Amino acid sequence: MEQKNLIDWIENGKQIGKAIYYTKDGDTYWQSVGIQKWNNNYKVYFFEILKSKMMSDEGEEELIREFKTMEEAKSYVESVSQIPFIELTPLKGQKVFNPSAI
């Protein structure tokens, strides 16, 4: 996927994102990230939880942050997520997050 396509999709208001399982220190985690331009700002959603605690929601981390620039949003995604920005894709059907929630 070309970064230009991702930025074009975001600039046109399309939500992009991805979810993965990954292993850290012998533990498996579920992580989800999404980004969408909303009301001239960029909203980034981040969620992470230990796979073993998914049924209880204990220890989950869920954040929605808002940024003024695409570069700030992209930098945030790359700093908190195991998912490279370039791997985010347009979402069909259900979205990762509701950008009007905050």
N, C-alpha and C. Protein backbone atom coordinates (compact mmCIF):
# COMPACT_ATOMS: atom_id res chain seq x y z
N MET A 1 0.85 -1.18 0.00
CA MET A 1 0.00 0.00 0.00
C MET A 1 0.89 1.23 0.00
N GLU A 2 0.59 2.18 -0.84
CA GLU A 2 1.37 3.40 -0.88
C GLU A 2 0.89 4.38 0.18
N GLN A 3 1.84 5.07 0.80
CA GLN A 3 1.48 6.03 1.83
C GLN A 3 0.60 7.13 1.27
N LYS A 4 0.81 7.53 0.02
CA LYS A 4 0.00 8.58 -0.59
C LYS A 4 -1.47 8.18 -0.61
N ASN A 5 -1.75 6.91 -0.95
CA ASN A 5 -3.14 6.43 -0.95
C ASN A 5 -3.75 6.52 0.45
N LEU A 6 -2.99 6.12 1.47
CA LEU A 6 -3.50 6.19 2.84
C LEU A 6 -3.84 7.62 3.22
N ILE A 7 -2.95 8.53 2.91
CA ILE A 7 -3.19 9.93 3.26
C ILE A 7 -4.37 10.49 2.48
N ASP A 8 -4.50 10.13 1.21
CA ASP A 8 -5.66 10.57 0.42
C ASP A 8 -6.96 10.06 1.03
N TRP A 9 -6.99 8.78 1.42
CA TRP A 9 -8.20 8.22 2.04
C TRP A 9 -8.56 8.97 3.32
N ILE A 10 -7.55 9.21 4.15
CA ILE A 10 -7.80 9.92 5.41
C ILE A 10 -8.29 11.34 5.12
N GLU A 11 -7.63 12.04 4.22
CA GLU A 11 -8.03 13.41 3.89
C GLU A 11 -9.46 13.47 3.36
N ASN A 12 -9.92 12.39 2.74
CA ASN A 12 -11.29 12.33 2.23
C ASN A 12 -12.29 11.82 3.27
N GLY A 13 -11.85 11.68 4.52
CA GLY A 13 -12.75 11.30 5.60
C GLY A 13 -12.97 9.81 5.80
N LYS A 14 -12.23 8.99 5.07
CA LYS A 14 -12.38 7.53 5.22
C LYS A 14 -11.59 7.06 6.43
N GLN A 15 -12.20 6.17 7.20
CA GLN A 15 -11.51 5.58 8.34
C GLN A 15 -10.63 4.43 7.86
N ILE A 16 -9.37 4.44 8.31
CA ILE A 16 -8.48 3.33 8.01
C ILE A 16 -8.00 2.75 9.33
N GLY A 17 -7.62 1.49 9.30
CA GLY A 17 -7.16 0.87 10.54
C GLY A 17 -6.73 -0.56 10.33
N LYS A 18 -6.43 -1.22 11.44
CA LYS A 18 -6.02 -2.61 11.40
C LYS A 18 -6.01 -3.14 12.83
N ALA A 19 -6.19 -4.46 12.95
CA ALA A 19 -6.12 -5.13 14.25
C ALA A 19 -5.21 -6.34 14.10
N ILE A 20 -4.43 -6.60 15.14
CA ILE A 20 -3.49 -7.72 15.12
C ILE A 20 -3.39 -8.36 16.50
N TYR A 21 -2.88 -9.59 16.51
CA TYR A 21 -2.36 -10.20 17.72
C TYR A 21 -0.85 -10.10 17.62
N TYR A 22 -0.19 -9.84 18.74
CA TYR A 22 1.27 -9.86 18.76
C TYR A 22 1.73 -10.37 20.11
N THR A 23 2.98 -10.82 20.18
CA THR A 23 3.53 -11.38 21.41
C THR A 23 4.64 -10.47 21.94
N LYS A 24 4.56 -10.20 23.26
CA LYS A 24 5.57 -9.40 23.93
C LYS A 24 5.86 -10.04 25.28
N ASP A 25 7.12 -10.32 25.55
CA ASP A 25 7.54 -10.93 26.81
C ASP A 25 6.76 -12.21 27.11
N GLY A 26 6.47 -13.00 26.07
CA GLY A 26 5.79 -14.28 26.23
C GLY A 26 4.28 -14.19 26.35
N ASP A 27 3.72 -12.97 26.35
CA ASP A 27 2.27 -12.78 26.45
C ASP A 27 1.72 -12.35 25.09
N THR A 28 0.52 -12.82 24.76
CA THR A 28 -0.13 -12.45 23.52
C THR A 28 -1.13 -11.32 23.78
N TYR A 29 -1.06 -10.29 22.95
CA TYR A 29 -1.93 -9.12 23.05
C TYR A 29 -2.76 -8.98 21.78
N TRP A 30 -3.94 -8.38 21.95
CA TRP A 30 -4.78 -7.95 20.84
C TRP A 30 -4.64 -6.43 20.77
N GLN A 31 -4.37 -5.91 19.58
CA GLN A 31 -4.22 -4.47 19.41
C GLN A 31 -4.98 -4.02 18.17
N SER A 32 -5.64 -2.89 18.31
CA SER A 32 -6.40 -2.31 17.22
C SER A 32 -6.10 -0.82 17.15
N VAL A 33 -5.95 -0.32 15.93
CA VAL A 33 -5.69 1.11 15.75
C VAL A 33 -6.49 1.60 14.54
N GLY A 34 -6.97 2.83 14.62
CA GLY A 34 -7.71 3.43 13.51
C GLY A 34 -7.46 4.92 13.49
N ILE A 35 -7.64 5.51 12.32
CA ILE A 35 -7.46 6.95 12.16
C ILE A 35 -8.51 7.46 11.17
N GLN A 36 -9.05 8.65 11.47
CA GLN A 36 -10.04 9.25 10.58
C GLN A 36 -10.00 10.77 10.75
N LYS A 37 -10.13 11.48 9.61
CA LYS A 37 -10.27 12.93 9.66
C LYS A 37 -11.72 13.23 10.00
N TRP A 38 -11.91 14.09 11.00
CA TRP A 38 -13.25 14.40 11.48
C TRP A 38 -13.29 15.86 11.91
N ASN A 39 -14.15 16.66 11.30
CA ASN A 39 -14.27 18.09 11.62
C ASN A 39 -12.91 18.80 11.54
N ASN A 40 -12.18 18.53 10.48
CA ASN A 40 -10.88 19.17 10.20
C ASN A 40 -9.77 18.80 11.18
N ASN A 41 -9.98 17.80 12.02
CA ASN A 41 -8.94 17.27 12.88
C ASN A 41 -8.77 15.78 12.57
N TYR A 42 -7.73 15.19 13.11
CA TYR A 42 -7.44 13.78 12.87
C TYR A 42 -7.61 13.03 14.18
N LYS A 43 -8.52 12.07 14.18
CA LYS A 43 -8.77 11.28 15.38
C LYS A 43 -8.09 9.92 15.24
N VAL A 44 -7.39 9.54 16.28
CA VAL A 44 -6.69 8.26 16.32
C VAL A 44 -7.24 7.45 17.48
N TYR A 45 -7.61 6.21 17.16
CA TYR A 45 -8.11 5.27 18.16
C TYR A 45 -7.04 4.21 18.38
N PHE A 46 -6.82 3.87 19.66
CA PHE A 46 -5.87 2.82 20.01
C PHE A 46 -6.49 1.95 21.09
N PHE A 47 -6.42 0.64 20.90
CA PHE A 47 -6.94 -0.32 21.88
C PHE A 47 -5.96 -1.47 22.00
N GLU A 48 -5.70 -1.87 23.25
CA GLU A 48 -4.81 -3.02 23.47
C GLU A 48 -5.25 -3.75 24.72
N ILE A 49 -5.18 -5.10 24.67
CA ILE A 49 -5.53 -5.92 25.83
C ILE A 49 -4.80 -7.25 25.72
N LEU A 50 -4.45 -7.80 26.86
CA LEU A 50 -3.90 -9.15 26.89
C LEU A 50 -4.96 -10.11 26.38
N LYS A 51 -4.59 -11.02 25.51
CA LYS A 51 -5.55 -11.98 24.97
C LYS A 51 -6.23 -12.76 26.09
N SER A 52 -5.48 -13.12 27.11
CA SER A 52 -6.03 -13.91 28.21
C SER A 52 -7.05 -13.14 29.05
N LYS A 53 -7.12 -11.82 28.89
CA LYS A 53 -8.06 -11.01 29.67
C LYS A 53 -9.18 -10.43 28.82
N MET A 54 -9.29 -10.88 27.58
CA MET A 54 -10.29 -10.31 26.67
C MET A 54 -11.72 -10.48 27.16
N MET A 55 -12.01 -11.55 27.85
CA MET A 55 -13.39 -11.78 28.31
C MET A 55 -13.74 -10.89 29.50
N SER A 56 -12.76 -10.41 30.25
CA SER A 56 -13.04 -9.61 31.44
C SER A 56 -12.85 -8.11 31.22
N ASP A 57 -12.20 -7.72 30.14
CA ASP A 57 -11.86 -6.33 29.86
C ASP A 57 -10.90 -5.74 30.89
N GLU A 58 -10.40 -6.56 31.81
CA GLU A 58 -9.45 -6.11 32.82
C GLU A 58 -8.11 -5.80 32.16
N GLY A 59 -7.55 -4.66 32.49
CA GLY A 59 -6.24 -4.30 31.97
C GLY A 59 -6.25 -3.77 30.55
N GLU A 60 -7.42 -3.46 30.01
CA GLU A 60 -7.46 -2.94 28.64
C GLU A 60 -7.01 -1.48 28.62
N GLU A 61 -6.46 -1.09 27.49
CA GLU A 61 -6.09 0.30 27.27
C GLU A 61 -6.80 0.76 26.01
N GLU A 62 -7.67 1.76 26.17
CA GLU A 62 -8.43 2.28 25.04
C GLU A 62 -8.32 3.80 25.06
N LEU A 63 -7.84 4.36 23.95
CA LEU A 63 -7.62 5.79 23.85
C LEU A 63 -8.14 6.33 22.53
N ILE A 64 -8.69 7.52 22.57
CA ILE A 64 -8.99 8.27 21.35
C ILE A 64 -8.35 9.63 21.53
N ARG A 65 -7.45 9.96 20.62
CA ARG A 65 -6.74 11.24 20.67
C ARG A 65 -7.05 12.02 19.41
N GLU A 66 -7.01 13.34 19.55
CA GLU A 66 -7.30 14.22 18.43
C GLU A 66 -6.08 15.09 18.14
N PHE A 67 -5.77 15.24 16.85
CA PHE A 67 -4.59 15.99 16.44
C PHE A 67 -4.97 17.01 15.37
N LYS A 68 -4.22 18.09 15.32
CA LYS A 68 -4.47 19.16 14.33
C LYS A 68 -3.90 18.82 12.97
N THR A 69 -2.82 18.02 12.93
CA THR A 69 -2.18 17.72 11.66
C THR A 69 -2.08 16.22 11.42
N MET A 70 -2.03 15.85 10.16
CA MET A 70 -1.85 14.46 9.76
C MET A 70 -0.53 13.93 10.30
N GLU A 71 0.51 14.74 10.24
CA GLU A 71 1.84 14.30 10.69
C GLU A 71 1.84 13.95 12.18
N GLU A 72 1.14 14.75 12.99
CA GLU A 72 1.04 14.45 14.42
C GLU A 72 0.29 13.14 14.65
N ALA A 73 -0.80 12.94 13.92
CA ALA A 73 -1.59 11.72 14.06
C ALA A 73 -0.77 10.50 13.64
N LYS A 74 -0.08 10.60 12.51
CA LYS A 74 0.75 9.50 12.02
C LYS A 74 1.86 9.17 13.02
N SER A 75 2.49 10.18 13.54
CA SER A 75 3.57 9.99 14.52
C SER A 75 3.04 9.29 15.78
N TYR A 76 1.85 9.68 16.22
CA TYR A 76 1.25 9.05 17.40
C TYR A 76 0.98 7.57 17.13
N VAL A 77 0.40 7.24 15.97
CA VAL A 77 0.14 5.85 15.61
C VAL A 77 1.43 5.05 15.68
N GLU A 78 2.48 5.58 15.12
CA GLU A 78 3.75 4.87 15.09
C GLU A 78 4.39 4.75 16.47
N SER A 79 4.08 5.67 17.39
CA SER A 79 4.68 5.62 18.72
C SER A 79 3.97 4.65 19.67
N VAL A 80 2.65 4.46 19.50
CA VAL A 80 1.92 3.61 20.44
C VAL A 80 1.61 2.21 19.92
N SER A 81 1.65 2.04 18.61
CA SER A 81 1.16 0.80 18.02
C SER A 81 2.28 -0.09 17.49
N GLN A 82 2.01 -1.39 17.51
CA GLN A 82 2.88 -2.37 16.87
C GLN A 82 2.60 -2.44 15.37
N ILE A 83 1.55 -1.76 14.93
CA ILE A 83 1.12 -1.80 13.53
C ILE A 83 1.73 -0.61 12.78
N PRO A 84 2.55 -0.87 11.78
CA PRO A 84 3.11 0.24 11.00
C PRO A 84 2.00 1.02 10.28
N PHE A 85 2.13 2.34 10.25
CA PHE A 85 1.14 3.20 9.61
C PHE A 85 0.84 2.73 8.18
N ILE A 86 1.86 2.33 7.47
CA ILE A 86 1.72 1.93 6.06
C ILE A 86 0.84 0.69 5.90
N GLU A 87 0.62 -0.08 6.98
CA GLU A 87 -0.21 -1.28 6.90
C GLU A 87 -1.69 -1.03 7.19
N LEU A 88 -2.05 0.20 7.55
CA LEU A 88 -3.46 0.51 7.78
C LEU A 88 -4.20 0.48 6.45
N THR A 89 -5.43 0.02 6.49
CA THR A 89 -6.22 -0.12 5.27
C THR A 89 -7.62 0.43 5.48
N PRO A 90 -8.32 0.78 4.39
CA PRO A 90 -9.72 1.23 4.52
C PRO A 90 -10.56 0.11 5.13
N LEU A 91 -11.52 0.52 5.92
CA LEU A 91 -12.38 -0.44 6.62
C LEU A 91 -13.72 -0.55 5.93
N LYS A 92 -14.15 -1.77 5.75
CA LYS A 92 -15.46 -2.02 5.16
C LYS A 92 -16.39 -2.50 6.26
N GLY A 93 -17.63 -2.08 6.20
CA GLY A 93 -18.58 -2.51 7.22
C GLY A 93 -18.32 -1.82 8.53
N GLN A 94 -18.15 -2.60 9.60
CA GLN A 94 -17.97 -2.06 10.94
C GLN A 94 -16.65 -1.29 11.06
N LYS A 95 -16.72 -0.15 11.71
CA LYS A 95 -15.55 0.69 11.90
C LYS A 95 -14.83 0.30 13.19
N VAL A 96 -13.58 0.74 13.31
CA VAL A 96 -12.80 0.49 14.52
C VAL A 96 -13.34 1.35 15.67
N PHE A 97 -13.76 2.59 15.36
CA PHE A 97 -14.24 3.50 16.41
C PHE A 97 -15.23 4.49 15.81
N ASN A 98 -15.95 5.16 16.69
CA ASN A 98 -16.92 6.17 16.29
C ASN A 98 -16.25 7.54 16.48
N PRO A 99 -15.91 8.25 15.40
CA PRO A 99 -15.19 9.51 15.56
C PRO A 99 -16.03 10.62 16.21
N SER A 100 -17.32 10.48 16.25
CA SER A 100 -18.15 11.51 16.89
C SER A 100 -18.26 11.29 18.39
N ALA A 101 -17.63 10.24 18.91
CA ALA A 101 -17.73 9.90 20.33
C ALA A 101 -17.06 10.93 21.23
N ILE A 102 -16.06 11.64 20.73
CA ILE A 102 -15.42 12.68 21.55
C ILE A 102 -15.36 13.98 20.78
